[in-house]
Structure formats: structure tokens, C-alpha cells
Amino acid sequence: MGIDVRQLLLYLVTDGPLCAAHGLVETVTAAVRGGVRFVQLRDKTGTTQDRVAQAIALKQALRGTHVPLVINDDLAAAIAADADGVHIGQDDVRPEQARAALGPDKIIGLSCETPAHIRAADPSVVDYLGLGTVFATATKTDSKQYIGMSGLADLAALASLPTVAIGGLKQGHCTDVMTAGCDGMAVVSAICGKNDPQLAAARLRQELEKHR
């Protein structure tokens, strides 16, 4: 399948508790109305069966939007739900295994925290890189380190693949993320935790578009 790099500009990562006020599907659809163009389903506490059910519901809601849906860290769920792909970390299934299981047309995103991770990413296997964790965040507590904006710029400069920054990022970080050389910014609480996810997404996209 591959990706259109423009889809990475505003990338939403879901969080169940933060989406609870409006519900997962409505939060995501509102965010897409506001300008999100890429969605990652992340559910750290649910089962594969839970993630499959969530992904199927999101696929139905996203039909016709051309917004890809990838599943975090669960290759089996991505296959069962026929999602658009997976996003994997350094300690998850290897990218080559994911590609073999998914075939050539699905999306594979890979989290990278160090220059070594960037250099090891195979462009013939991986479609895009998630760079971070930039700042500490309550939605991801297993990060080994926080790279900050200077570290983000260092990693982006090394990458030959499209890149999206992630980790504690808010509207005030849009300029710095794009100046660092990333193709986009991934957010969780900056959309999922807001009373009006559509408005939050629209404001983020407006800021990001200034620096595209």
C-alpha cells in the first residue's frame, strides 16, 4: 500500500480512557473531520479480540475518508481486522516478520529512539518511522529515554524514510516539530483528551500547515 507522506502531517494515536467521554469511534471521526489524516489504534490493556472489534468499528467509520488505520503492536489483530497495517516498536515483532505476514501492500511503521534504530530501518520493509519519545507523557510510560527537540532533529536528519514525531506533543510544539525536519506530528491527549476533538484537530492542523 505504502503511504502518502502528506497523511503523516497530523497523526492520531488513540487512548481508550482519554476517548471515553465521547467514545472511541466518535472521537476518531471528529478528529478526522478536524484534519487528522492517519490513525493508530493503541490499546495497551485490551486483548487481541478487543483490538479487532475496535479496528472493525473504526474501519467502518473511516470508510471513504482515505485515512489509514494501523494497529499498535498487534500483528494478529491487524491481520484479523484487515487493518491498513501495524505500528511496531523495537521490542515487538521484527519488521521483516511483519512484512512477511502482512504482504507488500500494507503499512508498517517503526518506532525509533536512537541513531542506530534509524540506520537499521530497512526502506524496503518499513514505510515510515515514529521518532521519540520526545517528551514524557502519561499515555506511554515504558519509554527508556526522552530525546527532546534537539534529539528529534538529530534523528530526523538521519532518516531516509518519512518521519512523524511522537511523545507529549501539543499545539505549541507544531513549529518546533516541523522545523526539526519531521513530516508530521503524532498526538494523543492533544486531541483525545479535549472536549471538542474536531476543534482541537483543526487547530493543530492549521499550525502544522504553516510549516509544511
N, C-alpha and C. Protein backbone atom coordinates (compact mmCIF):
# COMPACT_ATOMS: atom_id res chain seq x y z
N MET A 1 0.83 -1.20 0.00
CA MET A 1 0.00 0.00 0.00
C MET A 1 0.86 1.25 0.00
N GLY A 2 1.85 1.30 0.90
CA GLY A 2 2.66 2.50 1.01
C GLY A 2 1.84 3.64 1.60
N ILE A 3 2.48 4.78 1.76
CA ILE A 3 1.77 5.92 2.32
C ILE A 3 2.04 7.17 1.49
N ASP A 4 1.11 8.07 1.57
CA ASP A 4 1.31 9.42 1.07
C ASP A 4 1.86 10.21 2.25
N VAL A 5 3.06 10.74 2.10
CA VAL A 5 3.72 11.40 3.22
C VAL A 5 2.86 12.52 3.80
N ARG A 6 1.99 13.11 2.99
CA ARG A 6 1.13 14.18 3.47
C ARG A 6 0.16 13.70 4.54
N GLN A 7 -0.13 12.39 4.55
CA GLN A 7 -1.04 11.85 5.55
C GLN A 7 -0.44 11.91 6.96
N LEU A 8 0.87 11.98 7.05
CA LEU A 8 1.53 11.95 8.35
C LEU A 8 1.50 13.30 9.06
N LEU A 9 1.08 14.36 8.38
CA LEU A 9 1.17 15.69 8.97
C LEU A 9 0.50 15.75 10.33
N LEU A 10 -0.71 15.22 10.42
CA LEU A 10 -1.41 15.15 11.71
C LEU A 10 -1.89 13.72 11.92
N TYR A 11 -1.27 13.07 12.86
CA TYR A 11 -1.38 11.61 13.08
C TYR A 11 -1.95 11.41 14.48
N LEU A 12 -3.06 10.71 14.57
CA LEU A 12 -3.72 10.48 15.86
C LEU A 12 -3.43 9.09 16.38
N VAL A 13 -3.00 9.02 17.65
CA VAL A 13 -2.84 7.76 18.37
C VAL A 13 -3.94 7.71 19.42
N THR A 14 -4.74 6.66 19.41
CA THR A 14 -5.88 6.61 20.32
C THR A 14 -5.47 6.15 21.71
N ASP A 15 -6.28 6.54 22.66
CA ASP A 15 -6.12 6.12 24.06
C ASP A 15 -7.51 5.91 24.63
N GLY A 16 -7.79 4.68 25.05
CA GLY A 16 -9.14 4.33 25.50
C GLY A 16 -9.70 5.23 26.58
N PRO A 17 -9.00 5.39 27.71
CA PRO A 17 -9.54 6.24 28.78
C PRO A 17 -9.75 7.69 28.34
N LEU A 18 -8.83 8.22 27.56
CA LEU A 18 -8.97 9.61 27.12
C LEU A 18 -10.12 9.79 26.12
N CYS A 19 -10.43 8.72 25.40
CA CYS A 19 -11.52 8.79 24.43
C CYS A 19 -12.88 8.46 25.04
N ALA A 20 -12.91 8.11 26.32
CA ALA A 20 -14.13 7.58 26.94
C ALA A 20 -15.28 8.57 26.94
N ALA A 21 -14.97 9.86 27.08
CA ALA A 21 -16.04 10.85 27.19
C ALA A 21 -16.94 10.85 25.96
N HIS A 22 -16.34 10.75 24.78
CA HIS A 22 -17.11 10.76 23.53
C HIS A 22 -17.25 9.38 22.92
N GLY A 23 -16.42 8.44 23.37
CA GLY A 23 -16.36 7.13 22.74
C GLY A 23 -15.26 7.10 21.69
N LEU A 24 -14.67 5.94 21.50
CA LEU A 24 -13.54 5.81 20.58
C LEU A 24 -13.90 6.22 19.16
N VAL A 25 -14.97 5.66 18.64
CA VAL A 25 -15.32 5.91 17.23
C VAL A 25 -15.66 7.38 17.00
N GLU A 26 -16.44 7.97 17.89
CA GLU A 26 -16.82 9.37 17.70
C GLU A 26 -15.62 10.29 17.86
N THR A 27 -14.73 9.98 18.80
CA THR A 27 -13.52 10.79 18.96
C THR A 27 -12.69 10.77 17.68
N VAL A 28 -12.51 9.60 17.11
CA VAL A 28 -11.70 9.47 15.90
C VAL A 28 -12.38 10.15 14.72
N THR A 29 -13.67 9.95 14.55
CA THR A 29 -14.34 10.56 13.41
C THR A 29 -14.36 12.09 13.53
N ALA A 30 -14.51 12.58 14.75
CA ALA A 30 -14.44 14.04 14.95
C ALA A 30 -13.06 14.56 14.63
N ALA A 31 -12.03 13.83 15.05
CA ALA A 31 -10.65 14.24 14.77
C ALA A 31 -10.38 14.25 13.26
N VAL A 32 -10.92 13.29 12.55
CA VAL A 32 -10.75 13.25 11.10
C VAL A 32 -11.47 14.42 10.45
N ARG A 33 -12.64 14.74 10.94
CA ARG A 33 -13.34 15.93 10.41
C ARG A 33 -12.49 17.18 10.62
N GLY A 34 -11.73 17.20 11.70
CA GLY A 34 -10.89 18.35 12.01
C GLY A 34 -9.57 18.39 11.25
N GLY A 35 -9.18 17.28 10.63
CA GLY A 35 -7.96 17.31 9.82
C GLY A 35 -6.96 16.21 10.07
N VAL A 36 -7.24 15.26 10.97
CA VAL A 36 -6.37 14.10 11.13
C VAL A 36 -6.43 13.26 9.86
N ARG A 37 -5.27 12.79 9.40
CA ARG A 37 -5.22 12.01 8.16
C ARG A 37 -4.54 10.65 8.33
N PHE A 38 -4.28 10.26 9.59
CA PHE A 38 -3.68 8.96 9.85
C PHE A 38 -4.06 8.58 11.27
N VAL A 39 -4.49 7.34 11.47
CA VAL A 39 -4.95 6.90 12.80
C VAL A 39 -4.25 5.62 13.20
N GLN A 40 -3.72 5.62 14.42
CA GLN A 40 -3.16 4.41 15.02
C GLN A 40 -4.03 4.02 16.20
N LEU A 41 -4.56 2.81 16.16
CA LEU A 41 -5.31 2.25 17.28
C LEU A 41 -4.31 1.69 18.29
N ARG A 42 -4.25 2.31 19.46
CA ARG A 42 -3.37 1.83 20.51
C ARG A 42 -4.20 1.50 21.74
N ASP A 43 -4.16 0.25 22.14
CA ASP A 43 -4.89 -0.23 23.31
C ASP A 43 -3.97 -1.18 24.06
N LYS A 44 -3.31 -0.66 25.08
CA LYS A 44 -2.29 -1.42 25.79
C LYS A 44 -2.88 -2.43 26.76
N THR A 45 -4.15 -2.30 27.12
CA THR A 45 -4.72 -3.17 28.15
C THR A 45 -5.69 -4.21 27.60
N GLY A 46 -6.22 -3.98 26.40
CA GLY A 46 -7.18 -4.90 25.83
C GLY A 46 -6.55 -6.16 25.26
N THR A 47 -7.39 -7.08 24.86
CA THR A 47 -6.94 -8.32 24.22
C THR A 47 -6.90 -8.12 22.70
N THR A 48 -6.31 -9.08 22.02
CA THR A 48 -6.33 -9.03 20.55
C THR A 48 -7.76 -8.99 20.05
N GLN A 49 -8.64 -9.75 20.67
CA GLN A 49 -10.05 -9.74 20.27
C GLN A 49 -10.66 -8.35 20.44
N ASP A 50 -10.33 -7.69 21.54
CA ASP A 50 -10.82 -6.32 21.76
C ASP A 50 -10.34 -5.40 20.64
N ARG A 51 -9.05 -5.51 20.31
CA ARG A 51 -8.49 -4.63 19.28
C ARG A 51 -9.09 -4.91 17.91
N VAL A 52 -9.37 -6.16 17.64
CA VAL A 52 -10.02 -6.49 16.36
C VAL A 52 -11.39 -5.83 16.28
N ALA A 53 -12.17 -5.93 17.35
CA ALA A 53 -13.51 -5.33 17.36
C ALA A 53 -13.43 -3.82 17.21
N GLN A 54 -12.49 -3.19 17.91
CA GLN A 54 -12.32 -1.75 17.80
C GLN A 54 -11.91 -1.35 16.39
N ALA A 55 -10.98 -2.11 15.82
CA ALA A 55 -10.49 -1.80 14.48
C ALA A 55 -11.59 -1.93 13.44
N ILE A 56 -12.41 -2.94 13.56
CA ILE A 56 -13.51 -3.12 12.60
C ILE A 56 -14.48 -1.95 12.68
N ALA A 57 -14.78 -1.51 13.91
CA ALA A 57 -15.68 -0.37 14.08
C ALA A 57 -15.06 0.91 13.50
N LEU A 58 -13.76 1.09 13.72
CA LEU A 58 -13.09 2.28 13.18
C LEU A 58 -13.01 2.23 11.65
N LYS A 59 -12.74 1.05 11.10
CA LYS A 59 -12.70 0.92 9.64
C LYS A 59 -14.03 1.34 9.02
N GLN A 60 -15.11 0.92 9.64
CA GLN A 60 -16.44 1.29 9.13
C GLN A 60 -16.62 2.80 9.18
N ALA A 61 -16.19 3.41 10.30
CA ALA A 61 -16.35 4.86 10.46
C ALA A 61 -15.47 5.63 9.49
N LEU A 62 -14.32 5.07 9.16
CA LEU A 62 -13.35 5.76 8.30
C LEU A 62 -13.57 5.49 6.81
N ARG A 63 -14.51 4.64 6.50
CA ARG A 63 -14.74 4.27 5.10
C ARG A 63 -15.00 5.52 4.26
N GLY A 64 -14.27 5.63 3.16
CA GLY A 64 -14.45 6.74 2.26
C GLY A 64 -13.61 7.96 2.59
N THR A 65 -12.89 7.94 3.70
CA THR A 65 -12.09 9.10 4.09
C THR A 65 -10.66 9.03 3.57
N HIS A 66 -10.21 7.84 3.16
CA HIS A 66 -8.84 7.60 2.72
C HIS A 66 -7.84 7.81 3.86
N VAL A 67 -8.31 7.70 5.10
CA VAL A 67 -7.44 7.79 6.28
C VAL A 67 -7.01 6.38 6.68
N PRO A 68 -5.70 6.09 6.65
CA PRO A 68 -5.26 4.75 7.02
C PRO A 68 -5.45 4.48 8.51
N LEU A 69 -5.71 3.21 8.83
CA LEU A 69 -5.80 2.75 10.21
C LEU A 69 -4.77 1.66 10.43
N VAL A 70 -3.82 1.91 11.33
CA VAL A 70 -2.86 0.89 11.71
C VAL A 70 -3.08 0.55 13.18
N ILE A 71 -2.65 -0.65 13.55
CA ILE A 71 -2.82 -1.12 14.93
C ILE A 71 -1.45 -1.20 15.59
N ASN A 72 -1.38 -0.72 16.79
CA ASN A 72 -0.13 -0.70 17.54
C ASN A 72 0.19 -2.07 18.12
N ASP A 73 1.35 -2.58 17.76
CA ASP A 73 1.95 -3.73 18.45
C ASP A 73 1.16 -5.03 18.41
N ASP A 74 0.18 -5.16 17.51
CA ASP A 74 -0.61 -6.40 17.50
C ASP A 74 -0.81 -6.84 16.05
N LEU A 75 0.14 -7.62 15.58
CA LEU A 75 0.10 -8.09 14.20
C LEU A 75 -1.11 -8.98 13.96
N ALA A 76 -1.43 -9.83 14.92
CA ALA A 76 -2.57 -10.73 14.76
C ALA A 76 -3.87 -9.95 14.60
N ALA A 77 -4.03 -8.89 15.38
CA ALA A 77 -5.24 -8.06 15.28
C ALA A 77 -5.29 -7.35 13.93
N ALA A 78 -4.15 -6.86 13.46
CA ALA A 78 -4.12 -6.18 12.18
C ALA A 78 -4.53 -7.11 11.04
N ILE A 79 -4.09 -8.35 11.11
CA ILE A 79 -4.45 -9.33 10.09
C ILE A 79 -5.93 -9.69 10.18
N ALA A 80 -6.40 -9.96 11.41
CA ALA A 80 -7.79 -10.38 11.59
C ALA A 80 -8.78 -9.30 11.21
N ALA A 81 -8.43 -8.04 11.49
CA ALA A 81 -9.34 -6.93 11.18
C ALA A 81 -9.13 -6.39 9.78
N ASP A 82 -8.12 -6.90 9.08
CA ASP A 82 -7.74 -6.37 7.77
C ASP A 82 -7.51 -4.87 7.85
N ALA A 83 -6.77 -4.46 8.89
CA ALA A 83 -6.39 -3.06 9.03
C ALA A 83 -5.40 -2.70 7.93
N ASP A 84 -5.11 -1.42 7.81
CA ASP A 84 -4.18 -0.97 6.78
C ASP A 84 -2.73 -1.28 7.11
N GLY A 85 -2.45 -1.69 8.35
CA GLY A 85 -1.10 -2.06 8.72
C GLY A 85 -0.90 -2.08 10.22
N VAL A 86 0.38 -2.04 10.61
CA VAL A 86 0.75 -2.06 12.01
C VAL A 86 1.79 -0.99 12.28
N HIS A 87 1.87 -0.61 13.54
CA HIS A 87 2.98 0.20 14.03
C HIS A 87 3.66 -0.60 15.12
N ILE A 88 4.96 -0.82 14.97
CA ILE A 88 5.67 -1.68 15.91
C ILE A 88 6.84 -0.95 16.55
N GLY A 89 7.20 -1.42 17.75
CA GLY A 89 8.33 -0.88 18.46
C GLY A 89 9.57 -1.74 18.28
N GLN A 90 10.63 -1.32 18.90
CA GLN A 90 11.90 -2.04 18.77
C GLN A 90 11.87 -3.41 19.47
N ASP A 91 10.99 -3.57 20.44
CA ASP A 91 10.93 -4.83 21.18
C ASP A 91 9.76 -5.70 20.76
N ASP A 92 9.09 -5.35 19.69
CA ASP A 92 7.95 -6.11 19.21
C ASP A 92 8.39 -7.05 18.08
N VAL A 93 7.44 -7.56 17.32
CA VAL A 93 7.76 -8.40 16.17
C VAL A 93 8.70 -7.64 15.24
N ARG A 94 9.64 -8.34 14.63
CA ARG A 94 10.58 -7.69 13.73
C ARG A 94 9.87 -7.20 12.47
N PRO A 95 10.31 -6.08 11.91
CA PRO A 95 9.67 -5.57 10.71
C PRO A 95 9.60 -6.59 9.57
N GLU A 96 10.66 -7.37 9.40
CA GLU A 96 10.68 -8.38 8.33
C GLU A 96 9.60 -9.44 8.55
N GLN A 97 9.38 -9.82 9.80
CA GLN A 97 8.31 -10.77 10.10
C GLN A 97 6.94 -10.17 9.83
N ALA A 98 6.78 -8.91 10.20
CA ALA A 98 5.51 -8.24 9.96
C ALA A 98 5.23 -8.14 8.46
N ARG A 99 6.27 -7.78 7.70
CA ARG A 99 6.08 -7.66 6.25
C ARG A 99 5.73 -9.01 5.63
N ALA A 100 6.39 -10.05 6.07
CA ALA A 100 6.11 -11.38 5.53
C ALA A 100 4.66 -11.79 5.82
N ALA A 101 4.18 -11.43 7.00
CA ALA A 101 2.82 -11.80 7.39
C ALA A 101 1.76 -10.94 6.72
N LEU A 102 2.07 -9.66 6.53
CA LEU A 102 1.08 -8.71 6.01
C LEU A 102 1.06 -8.64 4.49
N GLY A 103 2.19 -8.96 3.87
CA GLY A 103 2.29 -8.83 2.42
C GLY A 103 2.79 -7.45 2.04
N PRO A 104 2.96 -7.21 0.74
CA PRO A 104 3.63 -5.99 0.27
C PRO A 104 2.78 -4.74 0.32
N ASP A 105 1.47 -4.86 0.46
CA ASP A 105 0.60 -3.71 0.27
C ASP A 105 0.14 -3.02 1.55
N LYS A 106 0.52 -3.57 2.69
CA LYS A 106 0.12 -2.97 3.97
C LYS A 106 1.20 -2.01 4.48
N ILE A 107 0.81 -1.19 5.44
CA ILE A 107 1.70 -0.18 6.02
C ILE A 107 2.40 -0.73 7.25
N ILE A 108 3.70 -0.47 7.35
CA ILE A 108 4.45 -0.79 8.57
C ILE A 108 5.16 0.46 9.05
N GLY A 109 4.83 0.87 10.26
CA GLY A 109 5.52 1.96 10.93
C GLY A 109 6.41 1.40 12.02
N LEU A 110 7.54 2.05 12.26
CA LEU A 110 8.51 1.55 13.23
C LEU A 110 8.94 2.68 14.16
N SER A 111 8.86 2.45 15.45
CA SER A 111 9.33 3.43 16.43
C SER A 111 10.85 3.40 16.51
N CYS A 112 11.46 4.58 16.51
CA CYS A 112 12.91 4.70 16.60
C CYS A 112 13.28 5.72 17.66
N GLU A 113 14.22 5.35 18.52
CA GLU A 113 14.64 6.21 19.62
C GLU A 113 16.10 6.64 19.51
N THR A 114 16.86 5.96 18.68
CA THR A 114 18.31 6.20 18.61
C THR A 114 18.78 6.24 17.16
N PRO A 115 19.95 6.81 16.91
CA PRO A 115 20.52 6.76 15.56
C PRO A 115 20.67 5.33 15.04
N ALA A 116 21.02 4.41 15.92
CA ALA A 116 21.17 3.01 15.49
C ALA A 116 19.85 2.45 14.98
N HIS A 117 18.76 2.80 15.63
CA HIS A 117 17.45 2.36 15.16
C HIS A 117 17.16 2.89 13.76
N ILE A 118 17.49 4.15 13.54
CA ILE A 118 17.26 4.76 12.22
C ILE A 118 18.06 4.03 11.15
N ARG A 119 19.33 3.79 11.44
CA ARG A 119 20.20 3.16 10.45
C ARG A 119 19.77 1.73 10.14
N ALA A 120 19.17 1.06 11.12
CA ALA A 120 18.78 -0.34 10.93
C ALA A 120 17.44 -0.48 10.20
N ALA A 121 16.69 0.60 10.08
CA ALA A 121 15.37 0.52 9.43
C ALA A 121 15.54 0.33 7.93
N ASP A 122 14.93 -0.71 7.41
CA ASP A 122 15.07 -1.07 6.00
C ASP A 122 13.95 -0.43 5.19
N PRO A 123 14.27 0.50 4.29
CA PRO A 123 13.24 1.16 3.49
C PRO A 123 12.44 0.22 2.59
N SER A 124 12.98 -0.96 2.35
CA SER A 124 12.23 -1.91 1.54
C SER A 124 11.20 -2.68 2.37
N VAL A 125 11.24 -2.49 3.68
CA VAL A 125 10.34 -3.20 4.59
C VAL A 125 9.41 -2.23 5.33
N VAL A 126 9.98 -1.11 5.79
CA VAL A 126 9.26 -0.15 6.63
C VAL A 126 8.80 1.04 5.80
N ASP A 127 7.61 1.55 6.10
CA ASP A 127 7.05 2.67 5.34
C ASP A 127 7.31 4.04 5.97
N TYR A 128 7.33 4.09 7.30
CA TYR A 128 7.59 5.36 7.98
C TYR A 128 8.14 5.08 9.37
N LEU A 129 8.74 6.11 9.96
CA LEU A 129 9.35 5.99 11.29
C LEU A 129 8.65 6.93 12.27
N GLY A 130 8.40 6.42 13.47
CA GLY A 130 7.92 7.25 14.57
C GLY A 130 9.10 7.62 15.44
N LEU A 131 9.41 8.90 15.56
CA LEU A 131 10.60 9.36 16.27
C LEU A 131 10.22 9.87 17.66
N GLY A 132 10.84 9.33 18.67
CA GLY A 132 10.56 9.74 20.04
C GLY A 132 10.96 8.63 21.01
N THR A 133 10.60 8.76 22.23
CA THR A 133 9.60 9.68 22.76
C THR A 133 10.24 11.06 22.98
N VAL A 134 9.58 12.12 22.45
CA VAL A 134 10.16 13.46 22.53
C VAL A 134 10.13 13.97 23.96
N PHE A 135 8.95 13.95 24.57
CA PHE A 135 8.79 14.39 25.96
C PHE A 135 8.05 13.33 26.75
N ALA A 136 8.19 13.38 28.06
CA ALA A 136 7.46 12.45 28.93
C ALA A 136 5.96 12.63 28.74
N THR A 137 5.24 11.52 28.79
CA THR A 137 3.80 11.55 28.61
C THR A 137 3.16 10.45 29.44
N ALA A 138 2.00 10.75 30.01
CA ALA A 138 1.29 9.78 30.83
C ALA A 138 0.71 8.65 30.01
N THR A 139 0.57 8.83 28.69
CA THR A 139 -0.03 7.79 27.86
C THR A 139 0.98 6.73 27.42
N LYS A 140 2.26 6.97 27.66
CA LYS A 140 3.28 5.98 27.31
C LYS A 140 4.37 6.04 28.37
N THR A 141 4.32 5.10 29.29
CA THR A 141 5.21 5.15 30.45
C THR A 141 6.39 4.19 30.35
N ASP A 142 6.52 3.48 29.22
CA ASP A 142 7.59 2.48 29.11
C ASP A 142 8.79 2.98 28.30
N SER A 143 8.83 4.26 28.02
CA SER A 143 9.96 4.79 27.25
C SER A 143 11.24 4.73 28.07
N LYS A 144 12.32 4.40 27.39
CA LYS A 144 13.61 4.31 28.06
C LYS A 144 14.28 5.67 28.18
N GLN A 145 13.91 6.59 27.29
CA GLN A 145 14.55 7.89 27.29
C GLN A 145 13.65 8.88 26.56
N TYR A 146 13.92 10.16 26.83
CA TYR A 146 13.21 11.23 26.15
C TYR A 146 14.23 12.03 25.37
N ILE A 147 13.96 12.24 24.10
CA ILE A 147 15.00 12.78 23.23
C ILE A 147 14.96 14.30 23.11
N GLY A 148 13.83 14.94 23.46
CA GLY A 148 13.74 16.37 23.33
C GLY A 148 13.76 16.81 21.87
N MET A 149 13.63 18.10 21.65
CA MET A 149 13.59 18.62 20.29
C MET A 149 14.94 18.51 19.58
N SER A 150 16.03 18.68 20.32
CA SER A 150 17.34 18.56 19.67
C SER A 150 17.58 17.13 19.24
N GLY A 151 17.21 16.18 20.06
CA GLY A 151 17.34 14.77 19.68
C GLY A 151 16.44 14.42 18.52
N LEU A 152 15.25 15.01 18.50
CA LEU A 152 14.33 14.78 17.39
C LEU A 152 14.94 15.26 16.08
N ALA A 153 15.53 16.44 16.10
CA ALA A 153 16.16 16.97 14.89
C ALA A 153 17.31 16.08 14.44
N ASP A 154 18.09 15.57 15.38
CA ASP A 154 19.20 14.68 15.04
C ASP A 154 18.70 13.41 14.34
N LEU A 155 17.62 12.83 14.87
CA LEU A 155 17.09 11.61 14.27
C LEU A 155 16.47 11.89 12.90
N ALA A 156 15.73 12.98 12.81
CA ALA A 156 15.09 13.31 11.52
C ALA A 156 16.12 13.52 10.43
N ALA A 157 17.26 14.10 10.79
CA ALA A 157 18.32 14.36 9.80
C ALA A 157 18.92 13.07 9.26
N LEU A 158 18.85 12.00 10.05
CA LEU A 158 19.42 10.72 9.63
C LEU A 158 18.46 9.88 8.80
N ALA A 159 17.18 10.19 8.87
CA ALA A 159 16.15 9.31 8.31
C ALA A 159 15.99 9.51 6.81
N SER A 160 15.93 8.41 6.09
CA SER A 160 15.61 8.45 4.66
C SER A 160 14.14 8.16 4.42
N LEU A 161 13.46 7.65 5.44
CA LEU A 161 12.03 7.36 5.37
C LEU A 161 11.22 8.53 5.91
N PRO A 162 9.94 8.64 5.57
CA PRO A 162 9.08 9.65 6.19
C PRO A 162 9.07 9.48 7.71
N THR A 163 8.94 10.60 8.42
CA THR A 163 9.02 10.58 9.88
C THR A 163 7.87 11.34 10.52
N VAL A 164 7.45 10.84 11.67
CA VAL A 164 6.45 11.52 12.48
C VAL A 164 6.96 11.54 13.92
N ALA A 165 6.91 12.70 14.54
CA ALA A 165 7.36 12.86 15.92
C ALA A 165 6.25 12.44 16.86
N ILE A 166 6.65 11.86 18.02
CA ILE A 166 5.65 11.43 18.99
C ILE A 166 6.20 11.56 20.40
N GLY A 167 5.28 11.87 21.32
CA GLY A 167 5.65 11.87 22.73
C GLY A 167 5.42 13.19 23.43
N GLY A 168 4.26 13.34 24.07
CA GLY A 168 3.97 14.53 24.85
C GLY A 168 3.81 15.79 24.04
N LEU A 169 3.43 15.67 22.78
CA LEU A 169 3.39 16.84 21.89
C LEU A 169 2.02 17.50 21.88
N LYS A 170 2.05 18.83 21.91
CA LYS A 170 0.84 19.65 21.96
C LYS A 170 0.89 20.69 20.84
N GLN A 171 -0.13 21.54 20.81
CA GLN A 171 -0.21 22.55 19.75
C GLN A 171 1.01 23.47 19.75
N GLY A 172 1.52 23.79 20.91
CA GLY A 172 2.66 24.68 21.00
C GLY A 172 3.95 24.11 20.46
N HIS A 173 3.94 22.81 20.15
CA HIS A 173 5.15 22.15 19.63
C HIS A 173 5.17 22.06 18.10
N CYS A 174 4.10 22.47 17.44
CA CYS A 174 3.99 22.27 15.99
C CYS A 174 5.17 22.87 15.24
N THR A 175 5.49 24.11 15.55
CA THR A 175 6.57 24.78 14.83
C THR A 175 7.89 24.06 15.02
N ASP A 176 8.20 23.68 16.27
CA ASP A 176 9.47 23.02 16.55
C ASP A 176 9.57 21.66 15.87
N VAL A 177 8.47 20.92 15.86
CA VAL A 177 8.48 19.59 15.23
C VAL A 177 8.76 19.71 13.73
N MET A 178 8.11 20.64 13.08
CA MET A 178 8.31 20.78 11.63
C MET A 178 9.68 21.36 11.33
N THR A 179 10.14 22.29 12.16
CA THR A 179 11.47 22.86 11.98
C THR A 179 12.55 21.80 12.17
N ALA A 180 12.27 20.81 13.02
CA ALA A 180 13.21 19.71 13.26
C ALA A 180 13.37 18.82 12.04
N GLY A 181 12.48 18.95 11.08
CA GLY A 181 12.60 18.18 9.85
C GLY A 181 11.67 17.00 9.73
N CYS A 182 10.69 16.89 10.63
CA CYS A 182 9.75 15.78 10.55
C CYS A 182 8.66 16.08 9.51
N ASP A 183 8.04 15.00 9.03
CA ASP A 183 6.95 15.15 8.08
C ASP A 183 5.61 15.37 8.78
N GLY A 184 5.58 15.13 10.08
CA GLY A 184 4.33 15.32 10.80
C GLY A 184 4.49 15.08 12.28
N MET A 185 3.36 15.18 12.98
CA MET A 185 3.34 15.09 14.43
C MET A 185 2.22 14.16 14.87
N ALA A 186 2.55 13.23 15.74
CA ALA A 186 1.56 12.32 16.31
C ALA A 186 1.16 12.84 17.69
N VAL A 187 -0.14 12.82 17.95
CA VAL A 187 -0.65 13.29 19.24
C VAL A 187 -1.63 12.28 19.81
N VAL A 188 -1.76 12.34 21.12
CA VAL A 188 -2.73 11.51 21.84
C VAL A 188 -3.67 12.46 22.60
N SER A 189 -3.20 12.92 23.76
CA SER A 189 -4.07 13.74 24.62
C SER A 189 -4.40 15.09 24.02
N ALA A 190 -3.59 15.58 23.10
CA ALA A 190 -3.87 16.88 22.47
C ALA A 190 -5.15 16.86 21.65
N ILE A 191 -5.64 15.65 21.34
CA ILE A 191 -6.94 15.50 20.68
C ILE A 191 -7.89 14.66 21.53
N CYS A 192 -7.45 13.47 21.92
CA CYS A 192 -8.32 12.55 22.65
C CYS A 192 -8.78 13.12 23.99
N GLY A 193 -7.95 13.95 24.59
CA GLY A 193 -8.27 14.47 25.91
C GLY A 193 -9.04 15.78 25.90
N LYS A 194 -9.51 16.21 24.74
CA LYS A 194 -10.16 17.51 24.62
C LYS A 194 -11.69 17.36 24.56
N ASN A 195 -12.38 18.39 25.03
CA ASN A 195 -13.84 18.38 24.98
C ASN A 195 -14.36 18.38 23.56
N ASP A 196 -13.62 19.03 22.65
CA ASP A 196 -14.03 19.12 21.25
C ASP A 196 -12.87 18.61 20.38
N PRO A 197 -12.83 17.28 20.14
CA PRO A 197 -11.71 16.73 19.36
C PRO A 197 -11.61 17.31 17.96
N GLN A 198 -12.72 17.64 17.34
CA GLN A 198 -12.68 18.20 15.99
C GLN A 198 -11.99 19.56 15.99
N LEU A 199 -12.34 20.40 16.93
CA LEU A 199 -11.73 21.72 17.02
C LEU A 199 -10.25 21.60 17.36
N ALA A 200 -9.91 20.69 18.28
CA ALA A 200 -8.51 20.51 18.65
C ALA A 200 -7.69 20.07 17.44
N ALA A 201 -8.23 19.14 16.66
CA ALA A 201 -7.53 18.67 15.46
C ALA A 201 -7.39 19.79 14.44
N ALA A 202 -8.44 20.59 14.27
CA ALA A 202 -8.39 21.68 13.29
C ALA A 202 -7.32 22.70 13.65
N ARG A 203 -7.21 23.00 14.93
CA ARG A 203 -6.20 23.97 15.36
C ARG A 203 -4.79 23.42 15.18
N LEU A 204 -4.60 22.16 15.48
CA LEU A 204 -3.30 21.53 15.27
C LEU A 204 -2.94 21.54 13.79
N ARG A 205 -3.88 21.14 12.96
CA ARG A 205 -3.58 21.08 11.53
C ARG A 205 -3.26 22.46 10.97
N GLN A 206 -3.98 23.46 11.42
CA GLN A 206 -3.71 24.81 10.96
C GLN A 206 -2.30 25.23 11.28
N GLU A 207 -1.83 24.92 12.48
CA GLU A 207 -0.47 25.26 12.88
C GLU A 207 0.56 24.48 12.06
N LEU A 208 0.31 23.20 11.89
CA LEU A 208 1.24 22.36 11.14
C LEU A 208 1.33 22.77 9.68
N GLU A 209 0.20 23.15 9.09
CA GLU A 209 0.17 23.53 7.68
C GLU A 209 1.04 24.76 7.43
N LYS A 210 1.22 25.61 8.42
CA LYS A 210 2.04 26.80 8.25
C LYS A 210 3.50 26.45 7.94
N HIS A 211 3.90 25.25 8.33
CA HIS A 211 5.31 24.88 8.23
C HIS A 211 5.54 23.68 7.32
N ARG A 212 4.52 23.28 6.59
CA ARG A 212 4.65 22.11 5.73
C ARG A 212 5.75 22.34 4.70
